[in-house]
Protein backbone atom coordinates (compact mmCIF):
# COMPACT_ATOMS: atom_id res chain seq x y z
CA MET A 1 -16.13 -22.08 45.27
CA SER A 2 -15.14 -19.89 47.99
CA GLU A 3 -11.55 -19.33 48.60
CA PRO A 4 -9.86 -20.76 51.85
CA ALA A 5 -10.20 -19.20 55.45
CA SER A 6 -6.58 -18.71 54.98
CA GLN A 7 -6.62 -16.33 52.19
CA ARG A 8 -9.26 -14.11 52.98
CA MET A 9 -8.84 -10.77 54.05
CA SER A 10 -5.10 -11.33 54.72
CA GLY A 11 -2.49 -8.61 53.59
CA LEU A 12 0.26 -10.85 53.84
CA PRO A 13 1.48 -12.33 51.07
CA GLN A 14 -0.53 -15.96 50.01
CA MET A 15 1.61 -18.30 51.98
CA PRO A 16 0.20 -21.74 50.60
CA ASP A 17 2.25 -21.05 47.55
CA ASP A 18 5.06 -20.07 48.99
CA PRO A 19 7.46 -23.27 48.65
CA ASN A 20 9.90 -21.59 51.82
CA ARG A 21 7.21 -21.55 54.11
CA ARG A 22 7.64 -25.09 55.83
CA ARG A 23 11.84 -24.45 55.94
CA ASP A 24 10.87 -20.87 57.46
CA GLN A 25 8.81 -22.63 59.59
CA ARG A 26 10.84 -25.20 60.75
CA ALA A 27 14.16 -23.01 61.42
CA TRP A 28 11.85 -20.53 63.48
CA CYS A 29 10.77 -23.49 66.05
CA TRP A 30 14.86 -23.34 66.92
CA TYR A 31 15.04 -19.82 68.33
CA ASP A 32 12.29 -21.77 71.26
CA TRP A 33 15.31 -24.24 71.47
CA ALA A 34 18.09 -21.94 71.23
CA ASN A 35 16.41 -19.01 74.15
CA SER A 36 14.74 -21.63 76.75
CA VAL A 37 18.16 -22.21 78.44
CA PHE A 38 18.14 -18.52 80.18
CA PRO A 39 14.55 -18.99 81.73
CA THR A 40 15.53 -22.82 83.06
CA SER A 41 19.32 -22.65 83.30
CA ILE A 42 19.86 -19.11 84.23
CA VAL A 43 16.70 -17.37 85.76
CA THR A 44 15.03 -20.79 87.60
CA VAL A 45 18.47 -22.56 89.03
CA PHE A 46 21.56 -20.96 88.94
CA GLY A 47 21.45 -17.21 88.70
CA SER A 48 19.15 -16.52 91.42
CA MET A 49 21.56 -19.13 93.68
CA TYR A 50 24.87 -17.81 92.68
CA LEU A 51 23.89 -13.85 92.80
CA THR A 52 22.76 -14.23 95.68
CA THR A 53 25.69 -16.07 97.49
CA VAL A 54 27.90 -13.65 96.07
CA ALA A 55 25.86 -10.77 97.57
CA ARG A 56 26.40 -12.21 100.77
CA ASN A 57 30.25 -12.91 100.88
CA ASP A 58 30.43 -9.43 99.60
CA ALA A 59 28.16 -8.15 103.01
CA LEU A 60 30.10 -10.34 105.19
CA ALA A 61 33.15 -9.06 103.91
CA THR A 62 32.72 -5.53 104.56
CA GLY A 63 30.96 -5.78 107.45
CA GLN A 64 27.58 -4.67 106.98
CA SER A 65 24.31 -6.03 108.86
CA CYS A 66 24.43 -9.93 109.84
CA PHE A 67 22.99 -12.13 111.92
CA THR A 68 21.63 -16.19 112.12
CA ARG A 69 18.43 -16.77 111.82
CA ASN A 70 17.21 -20.88 111.60
CA ALA A 71 21.29 -21.64 111.23
CA LEU A 72 21.51 -19.41 108.29
CA ILE A 73 23.30 -16.28 107.74
CA LYS A 74 21.34 -13.08 107.17
CA CYS A 75 22.92 -10.21 105.61
CA ASP A 76 22.08 -6.74 104.25
CA ILE A 77 23.29 -4.91 101.18
CA SER A 78 22.91 -1.55 99.23
CA LEU A 79 21.66 -1.95 95.92
CA PHE A 80 20.77 2.32 94.45
CA GLY A 81 21.07 3.62 97.63
CA LEU A 82 18.73 0.64 99.26
CA VAL A 83 19.58 -1.31 102.08
CA ILE A 84 17.94 -4.87 101.01
CA PRO A 85 18.53 -8.14 102.45
CA ALA A 86 20.95 -10.39 100.30
CA GLY A 87 18.91 -13.45 100.08
CA SER A 88 16.20 -10.78 98.54
CA LEU A 89 18.21 -9.67 95.64
CA PHE A 90 16.70 -11.64 92.81
CA ASP A 91 13.14 -10.64 93.75
CA TYR A 92 14.57 -6.99 93.61
CA LEU A 93 16.21 -7.63 90.58
CA LEU A 94 13.50 -9.71 88.79
CA ALA A 95 11.32 -6.41 89.56
CA GLY A 96 13.68 -3.87 88.56
CA SER A 97 13.97 -5.46 85.40
CA THR A 98 10.65 -5.55 84.41
CA LEU A 99 10.19 -2.24 85.03
CA LEU A 100 13.02 -1.22 82.75
CA GLN A 101 11.18 -3.69 80.19
CA VAL A 102 8.14 -1.44 80.48
CA VAL A 103 9.39 0.94 78.28
CA VAL A 104 11.80 -0.97 75.82
CA LEU A 105 9.48 -3.38 75.14
CA PRO A 106 7.03 -1.64 73.30
CA LEU A 107 9.36 0.83 71.51
CA THR A 108 10.97 -2.61 70.37
CA GLY A 109 7.69 -4.11 68.96
CA ALA A 110 7.39 -0.52 67.37
CA ILE A 111 10.02 -0.33 65.72
CA ALA A 112 10.28 -3.78 64.22
CA ASP A 113 6.70 -2.81 62.68
CA ARG A 114 8.24 0.46 61.59
CA THR A 115 11.21 -0.89 60.02
CA GLN A 116 10.27 -4.88 59.07
CA HIS A 117 13.87 -5.54 60.15
CA LYS A 118 12.87 -8.00 62.41
CA ARG A 119 16.35 -10.46 61.27
CA ARG A 120 18.63 -7.57 62.32
CA MET A 121 16.48 -6.60 65.60
CA LEU A 122 16.15 -10.24 66.49
CA GLY A 123 19.99 -11.15 66.48
CA LEU A 124 21.19 -8.05 68.12
CA PHE A 125 18.72 -8.55 71.35
CA ALA A 126 19.77 -12.61 71.36
CA PHE A 127 23.54 -11.90 70.67
CA THR A 128 23.47 -9.44 73.28
CA GLY A 129 21.57 -11.65 75.58
CA ALA A 130 23.36 -14.24 75.27
CA ALA A 131 26.45 -12.10 75.63
CA ALA A 132 25.76 -10.77 79.05
CA THR A 133 24.77 -14.13 79.90
CA ALA A 134 27.97 -15.81 79.15
CA LEU A 135 29.91 -12.66 80.72
CA LEU A 136 28.32 -13.86 84.08
CA ALA A 137 31.33 -16.12 84.43
CA LEU A 138 33.09 -12.75 85.11
CA VAL A 139 31.18 -12.33 88.54
CA THR A 140 33.41 -13.59 91.29
CA GLY A 141 34.30 -12.83 94.69
CA THR A 142 32.05 -9.95 96.06
CA ASN A 143 31.50 -8.47 92.53
CA TRP A 144 27.52 -8.86 92.56
CA ARG A 145 26.84 -5.42 91.09
CA LEU A 146 28.59 -6.39 87.98
CA GLY A 147 26.11 -9.56 87.93
CA VAL A 148 23.37 -7.00 88.21
CA LEU A 149 24.15 -5.41 85.39
CA LEU A 150 24.78 -8.21 83.20
CA PHE A 151 21.69 -9.62 84.28
CA ILE A 152 19.32 -7.01 83.66
CA VAL A 153 21.03 -6.85 79.72
CA ALA A 154 20.83 -10.35 79.72
CA THR A 155 16.64 -10.17 80.80
CA THR A 156 16.21 -7.27 78.51
CA GLY A 157 17.35 -9.11 75.30
CA TYR A 158 15.79 -11.85 76.33
CA TYR A 159 12.30 -10.48 76.62
CA ALA A 160 12.76 -8.15 73.63
CA SER A 161 13.89 -10.84 71.55
CA LEU A 162 10.24 -12.77 72.17
CA VAL A 163 8.75 -10.07 71.15
CA ILE A 164 9.95 -9.86 67.62
CA TYR A 165 10.36 -13.74 67.44
CA TYR A 166 6.25 -14.14 68.39
CA SER A 167 5.51 -11.95 65.81
CA VAL A 168 7.15 -13.41 63.11
CA LEU A 169 4.39 -16.46 63.65
CA PRO A 170 1.78 -14.85 61.74
CA GLU A 171 3.93 -13.95 58.59
CA ILE A 172 4.98 -17.88 58.27
CA ALA A 173 2.26 -19.54 59.22
CA THR A 174 -1.30 -19.52 57.85
CA PRO A 175 -4.53 -18.98 60.54
CA ASP A 176 -4.67 -23.21 60.30
CA GLU A 177 -1.24 -23.68 60.91
CA ARG A 178 -0.35 -21.41 64.14
CA ASP A 179 -1.44 -23.67 66.96
CA ARG A 180 0.58 -26.88 65.20
CA LEU A 181 3.07 -24.49 64.74
CA SER A 182 3.47 -22.57 67.50
CA ALA A 183 2.74 -25.36 70.34
CA ARG A 184 5.87 -27.29 68.11
CA GLY A 185 7.89 -24.61 69.07
CA TRP A 186 7.20 -24.43 72.43
CA ALA A 187 7.85 -28.16 72.07
CA TRP A 188 11.48 -27.71 71.27
CA GLY A 189 12.09 -24.67 73.82
CA TYR A 190 10.94 -27.35 76.66
CA LEU A 191 13.40 -30.21 74.63
CA GLY A 192 16.25 -27.79 74.46
CA GLY A 193 16.49 -25.80 77.38
CA GLY A 194 15.61 -29.99 79.36
CA LEU A 195 19.02 -30.74 77.59
CA ALA A 196 20.87 -27.90 78.35
CA LEU A 197 19.86 -28.05 81.88
CA ALA A 198 20.66 -31.78 81.89
CA PHE A 199 24.40 -30.31 81.53
CA ASN A 200 24.61 -28.04 83.57
CA LEU A 201 23.17 -29.78 86.22
CA ALA A 202 25.64 -32.68 85.61
CA THR A 203 28.53 -30.37 85.42
CA TYR A 204 27.41 -28.78 88.91
CA VAL A 205 27.21 -31.84 90.39
CA GLY A 206 29.96 -33.58 89.15
CA ARG A 207 31.96 -30.66 89.88
CA ASP A 208 34.31 -32.37 92.36
CA ALA A 209 35.35 -35.18 89.64
CA LEU A 210 36.29 -32.34 87.13
CA GLY A 211 38.32 -30.80 89.95
CA LEU A 212 36.35 -27.85 90.11
CA SER A 213 34.88 -25.41 92.69
CA GLU A 214 31.01 -24.93 92.86
CA SER A 215 32.00 -21.02 91.48
CA ALA A 216 33.67 -22.53 89.03
CA ALA A 217 31.41 -24.85 88.11
CA VAL A 218 28.67 -22.37 88.11
CA ARG A 219 30.21 -20.26 85.83
CA ILE A 220 31.12 -22.48 83.45
CA CYS A 221 27.34 -23.40 83.31
CA PHE A 222 27.16 -19.34 82.04
CA VAL A 223 29.18 -19.77 79.73
CA THR A 224 27.52 -22.67 78.22
CA ALA A 225 24.22 -21.21 78.48
CA GLY A 226 25.47 -18.27 76.50
CA ALA A 227 27.36 -20.40 74.14
CA TRP A 228 23.85 -22.62 73.61
CA TRP A 229 21.52 -19.91 73.53
CA ALA A 230 24.10 -17.53 70.68
CA ALA A 231 24.74 -20.95 68.89
CA PHE A 232 21.33 -22.01 67.93
CA SER A 233 20.28 -18.49 67.52
CA LEU A 234 21.78 -18.73 63.79
CA ILE A 235 19.34 -21.47 62.98
CA PRO A 236 16.43 -19.03 62.74
CA LEU A 237 18.40 -16.19 61.93
CA ALA A 238 19.91 -17.84 58.64
CA ARG A 239 16.13 -18.45 57.30
CA MET A 240 14.41 -15.34 58.31
CA ARG A 241 13.08 -12.79 55.53
CA SER A 242 11.08 -9.66 55.01
CA TYR A 243 7.40 -10.59 54.92
CA GLN A 244 6.14 -7.09 54.95
CA PRO A 245 7.49 -3.66 53.49
CA PRO A 246 8.22 -1.01 55.82
CA GLN A 247 6.00 1.69 56.90
CA GLY A 248 7.96 4.34 57.04
CA GLY A 249 12.19 5.08 56.07
CA GLU A 250 13.58 6.68 58.80
CA ARG A 251 16.94 6.55 60.60
CA GLY A 252 18.58 7.43 63.73
CA LEU A 253 16.53 9.16 66.14
CA ARG A 254 14.17 10.38 63.62
CA LEU A 255 13.32 6.28 63.77
CA LEU A 256 13.38 6.63 67.33
CA THR A 257 10.61 9.52 67.15
CA ALA A 258 8.47 7.25 64.85
CA GLY A 259 8.77 4.47 66.94
CA PHE A 260 7.76 6.60 69.95
CA ARG A 261 4.87 7.93 67.51
CA GLN A 262 3.21 5.00 65.95
CA LEU A 263 3.28 3.41 69.52
CA ALA A 264 1.13 5.84 71.01
CA GLY A 265 -1.23 5.18 68.12
CA THR A 266 -1.07 1.43 68.80
CA LEU A 267 -2.31 2.00 72.21
CA ARG A 268 -4.70 4.85 70.99
CA ASN A 269 -6.83 2.25 68.71
CA ALA A 270 -6.18 -0.81 70.51
CA ARG A 271 -9.45 0.42 72.06
CA ALA A 272 -11.13 -0.31 69.04
CA TYR A 273 -10.66 -4.14 69.88
CA PRO A 274 -12.61 -4.81 72.53
CA LEU A 275 -12.13 -8.24 72.12
CA THR A 276 -8.67 -8.34 72.10
CA LEU A 277 -8.05 -6.83 75.09
CA LEU A 278 -10.87 -9.44 76.47
CA PHE A 279 -8.75 -12.31 75.44
CA LEU A 280 -5.20 -10.78 76.75
CA VAL A 281 -6.83 -9.86 80.35
CA ALA A 282 -8.30 -13.32 80.29
CA TYR A 283 -4.42 -14.75 79.27
CA LEU A 284 -2.76 -12.29 81.80
CA ILE A 285 -5.00 -13.53 84.82
CA TYR A 286 -4.56 -17.11 84.22
CA THR A 287 -1.14 -17.18 83.02
CA GLU A 288 0.02 -15.58 86.15
CA GLY A 289 -1.69 -18.40 88.19
CA ILE A 290 0.82 -21.10 85.68
CA SER A 291 3.78 -18.49 86.11
CA THR A 292 2.86 -18.82 90.25
CA VAL A 293 3.04 -22.54 90.29
CA ALA A 294 5.93 -22.86 88.50
CA SER A 295 8.20 -20.82 90.70
CA ILE A 296 6.68 -21.81 93.77
CA ALA A 297 6.45 -25.44 93.05
CA GLY A 298 10.40 -25.73 94.74
CA GLN A 299 8.92 -24.06 97.57
CA TYR A 300 5.99 -25.97 98.68
CA GLY A 301 7.99 -29.11 97.86
CA ASP A 302 10.51 -27.99 100.23
CA LEU A 303 8.89 -26.31 102.70
CA GLU A 304 5.88 -27.78 103.10
CA LEU A 305 6.14 -31.56 101.52
CA GLY A 306 9.66 -31.24 103.11
CA LEU A 307 11.07 -32.84 100.20
CA ALA A 308 15.26 -33.11 99.41
CA ARG A 309 16.57 -30.70 97.13
CA GLY A 310 17.85 -33.79 94.88
CA THR A 311 13.85 -35.06 94.03
CA LEU A 312 12.78 -30.83 93.56
CA ILE A 313 15.57 -30.88 91.36
CA GLY A 314 15.57 -34.01 89.75
CA THR A 315 11.40 -33.07 88.99
CA ILE A 316 12.47 -29.49 87.67
CA LEU A 317 14.37 -31.38 85.26
CA MET A 318 11.82 -34.47 84.16
CA VAL A 319 8.98 -31.63 84.21
CA GLN A 320 10.73 -30.16 81.05
CA PHE A 321 11.21 -33.36 79.29
CA VAL A 322 7.02 -33.88 79.81
CA ALA A 323 5.87 -30.42 78.75
CA PHE A 324 7.47 -31.50 75.35
CA ALA A 325 5.51 -33.84 75.04
CA GLY A 326 2.21 -31.70 76.36
CA ALA A 327 3.15 -29.59 73.90
CA LEU A 328 2.86 -31.44 71.08
CA ALA A 329 -0.38 -32.63 72.36
CA HIS A 330 -1.71 -29.57 72.90
CA GLY A 331 -1.29 -28.34 68.77
CA TRP A 332 -2.63 -31.94 67.71
CA VAL A 333 -5.72 -31.74 70.08
CA ALA A 334 -6.35 -27.64 68.72
CA ARG A 335 -6.21 -29.05 64.93
CA ARG A 336 -9.63 -31.13 65.70
CA PHE A 337 -11.32 -28.57 68.36
CA GLY A 338 -9.52 -25.32 68.01
CA ALA A 339 -7.38 -23.11 70.64
CA LYS A 340 -10.28 -21.36 72.71
CA ARG A 341 -11.78 -25.30 73.45
CA THR A 342 -8.40 -26.55 74.01
CA ILE A 343 -6.97 -23.81 76.39
CA MET A 344 -10.34 -23.97 78.18
CA GLY A 345 -9.87 -27.79 78.69
CA SER A 346 -5.88 -27.36 80.22
CA LEU A 347 -7.37 -24.68 82.17
CA LEU A 348 -9.83 -27.43 83.96
CA VAL A 349 -6.94 -29.86 83.98
CA TRP A 350 -4.59 -26.64 86.10
CA VAL A 351 -6.94 -26.79 88.44
CA GLY A 352 -7.57 -30.52 89.38
CA VAL A 353 -3.59 -30.62 89.13
CA ILE A 354 -4.12 -27.57 92.15
CA VAL A 355 -6.16 -29.42 94.07
CA ALA A 356 -4.08 -32.52 94.02
CA ALA A 357 -0.93 -30.69 95.09
CA TYR A 358 -3.45 -29.20 97.75
CA PHE A 359 -3.36 -33.45 98.94
CA ILE A 360 0.00 -34.53 99.00
CA ARG A 361 1.28 -36.45 102.02
CA ALA A 362 4.33 -34.46 103.26
CA GLY A 363 7.41 -36.03 102.76
CA ASP A 364 6.06 -38.39 99.62
CA GLN A 365 7.91 -37.78 96.37
CA LEU A 366 5.86 -40.31 94.39
CA GLN A 367 2.59 -37.79 94.98
CA PHE A 368 4.52 -35.37 94.13
CA LEU A 369 6.22 -36.47 91.51
CA LEU A 370 2.33 -37.81 89.76
CA VAL A 371 1.56 -33.97 90.09
CA ALA A 372 4.39 -32.62 88.60
CA VAL A 373 3.60 -34.78 85.73
CA GLY A 374 0.36 -33.37 85.10
CA ILE A 375 1.94 -29.97 85.71
CA GLY A 376 4.38 -30.55 82.64
CA LEU A 377 1.43 -32.02 80.33
CA VAL A 378 0.23 -28.63 80.67
CA LEU A 379 2.54 -26.54 80.98
CA GLY A 380 4.26 -25.85 77.65
CA GLY A 381 0.54 -26.47 75.77
CA THR A 382 -1.43 -23.64 77.16
CA ASN A 383 0.50 -20.98 76.67
CA ALA A 384 1.81 -22.24 73.33
CA LEU A 385 -2.14 -22.16 71.95
CA SER A 386 -2.36 -18.41 74.16
CA ARG A 387 0.71 -17.29 71.72
CA SER A 388 -0.93 -18.70 68.34
CA LEU A 389 -4.62 -17.57 69.36
CA PHE A 390 -3.22 -13.96 70.28
CA SER A 391 -1.86 -13.80 67.16
CA GLN A 392 -5.21 -14.28 65.14
CA LEU A 393 -6.27 -11.04 67.20
CA VAL A 394 -4.10 -8.55 66.43
CA PRO A 395 -4.41 -6.51 63.59
CA ALA A 396 -1.44 -7.17 60.58
CA GLY A 397 1.58 -5.02 60.38
CA LYS A 398 0.98 -4.44 64.12
CA GLU A 399 2.60 -7.81 65.58
CA ALA A 400 5.30 -6.68 67.27
CA GLU A 401 3.50 -3.72 68.88
CA TYR A 402 0.84 -6.00 70.18
CA PHE A 403 3.24 -8.78 71.29
CA SER A 404 5.12 -6.44 73.35
CA VAL A 405 1.93 -5.61 75.20
CA TYR A 406 1.02 -9.08 75.69
CA GLU A 407 4.83 -9.84 77.24
CA ILE A 408 4.52 -6.63 79.19
CA GLY A 409 1.56 -7.29 80.96
CA GLU A 410 2.72 -10.87 81.67
CA GLN A 411 5.61 -9.81 83.65
CA ALA A 412 3.87 -6.43 85.72
CA THR A 413 1.20 -8.74 86.67
CA SER A 414 3.96 -11.72 87.93
CA THR A 415 4.18 -10.63 91.26
CA VAL A 416 0.60 -10.62 92.38
CA GLY A 417 0.70 -14.57 92.72
CA PRO A 418 3.79 -14.99 94.90
CA LEU A 419 2.58 -11.73 96.49
CA LEU A 420 -0.99 -13.70 97.39
CA PHE A 421 1.13 -17.07 97.89
CA GLY A 422 3.47 -15.95 100.16
CA LEU A 423 0.46 -13.73 102.40
CA ILE A 424 -1.47 -16.65 102.74
CA GLY A 425 0.98 -19.08 103.75
CA ALA A 426 2.00 -16.35 106.54
CA ALA A 427 -1.56 -15.72 107.59
CA THR A 428 -2.42 -19.16 107.88
CA GLY A 429 1.47 -20.78 108.80
CA SER A 430 1.10 -23.66 105.98
CA PHE A 431 1.48 -23.44 102.29
CA ARG A 432 -1.55 -25.99 101.27
CA PRO A 433 -4.18 -23.36 101.66
CA ALA A 434 -1.72 -20.46 99.97
CA ILE A 435 -1.57 -23.21 96.81
CA LEU A 436 -4.85 -23.74 97.04
CA SER A 437 -5.77 -19.66 96.40
CA LEU A 438 -4.28 -20.10 92.82
CA VAL A 439 -7.37 -21.85 91.77
CA GLY A 440 -9.09 -18.71 91.62
CA PHE A 441 -6.67 -17.56 88.95
CA PHE A 442 -7.50 -20.40 86.59
CA VAL A 443 -11.37 -19.98 87.14
CA VAL A 444 -11.32 -15.94 86.79
CA GLY A 445 -9.36 -16.78 83.32
CA LEU A 446 -11.81 -19.42 82.22
CA GLY A 447 -14.64 -17.48 82.40
CA LEU A 448 -13.24 -14.33 80.86
CA LEU A 449 -12.47 -17.06 78.19
CA SER A 450 -15.61 -18.66 77.47
CA LEU A 451 -17.33 -15.04 76.92
CA LEU A 452 -14.66 -14.54 74.08
CA PRO A 453 -16.07 -15.09 70.43
CA VAL A 454 -13.21 -15.77 68.74
CA ARG A 455 -14.29 -16.14 65.07
CA ARG A 456 -15.94 -12.49 65.38
CA ALA A 457 -13.21 -11.06 67.49
CA ILE A 458 -10.71 -12.41 64.58
CA ARG A 459 -12.69 -11.11 62.14
CA ALA A 460 -12.81 -7.60 63.75
CA VAL A 461 -9.23 -7.07 63.50
CA GLY A 462 -9.14 -7.92 59.50
CA ASN A 463 -7.56 -11.09 59.68
CA PRO A 464 -8.79 -14.39 57.80
CA ASP A 465 -10.41 -16.92 60.39
CA PRO A 466 -8.92 -20.75 60.79
CA ALA A 467 -11.43 -23.57 59.79
CA VAL A 468 -11.46 -24.10 63.96
CA VAL A 469 -11.70 -22.00 66.41
């Protein structure tokens, strides 16, 4: 009898015989639960709103250039010598943070693979990000520059911790388990992020009953988000172990130099795995469509459909819980049809959802909610299976380095979709053709993914292939 696929060609310990594997997997999912509070509560809802308000207050207090347009006060501020609109601060902040990650994340991945101190590094980045998030509560009055610094630190901690977290997946799950485990982790992330967001929204909406000002309510949300992230990170950290031996014994500056050398070698050798690069390109294209839809959905509902802000916030919250069920469903489907086929089916659903969004009648809340349900069903699952499939396509011992490239690529292309959306909206005077243009990301990504021979790609990097691909 031939040995199972999950035990062939693997340089990792024989995980099927490890009695602690299931406990490690359950603990691993908790970091999705822990960190999801940052993108949902901070990035999507409260961070951009609050920092923009503080920056505008500073401009008004210091007599910066301000004028009125459409009953809104427009002000300019100075950031690192650049004069920018206060309303664009958060956009510039996200762009600057992305540039920083291009340097930080690859080096993080190289050092993590070389030392295998993944538990320490995950704890360092998670607690640093959580602390910076909580300290945003110190940003008051006109002190938006402190907010910029803290947000950059929090964002760096968030993405660096994801690189470490993702790289542990192939070390605790056999090839046949990864789709289910990744989907379950992503589902827990949406559930945790949704519950934290619900609590923070309740605090914000009910601030008058609690005797809080709007500023105080938001700052409390910063503290609770940081505490949530830090507290639930303790669960995976308590279970994490060293699953692979270190590749070097350097310390201090020598470790930093060795990390740069290892990263350079990995980037050179990546060309030897063209099928892995093919998947990465396909992923970066269709995930740009996903992130763009998620980021502009509120804008589309507000400016094109004329929906109330309460409806939009409620929809954002609802999508979190629908995505929980959608991610679990994707894991179940992938067990029977494989990750590639499931992702391709999910991308077809994305196309249908966007086309449906084009035809929503202005002011029709029910149609908007139905489309939002469709988005939620595929939002988490597509990314969850992409994470698990990519983990199959990277060489053993290089997981963190490759996942750093995975994260950097996703961030580096994150402006393309919103830029396209904005340009087409400006050129046509309507966001309907703009949102329809996003279909291209899914069609092109689907076409490239269809060309990927998954089993051959997995074997090309020396990994065991799962029973179903």
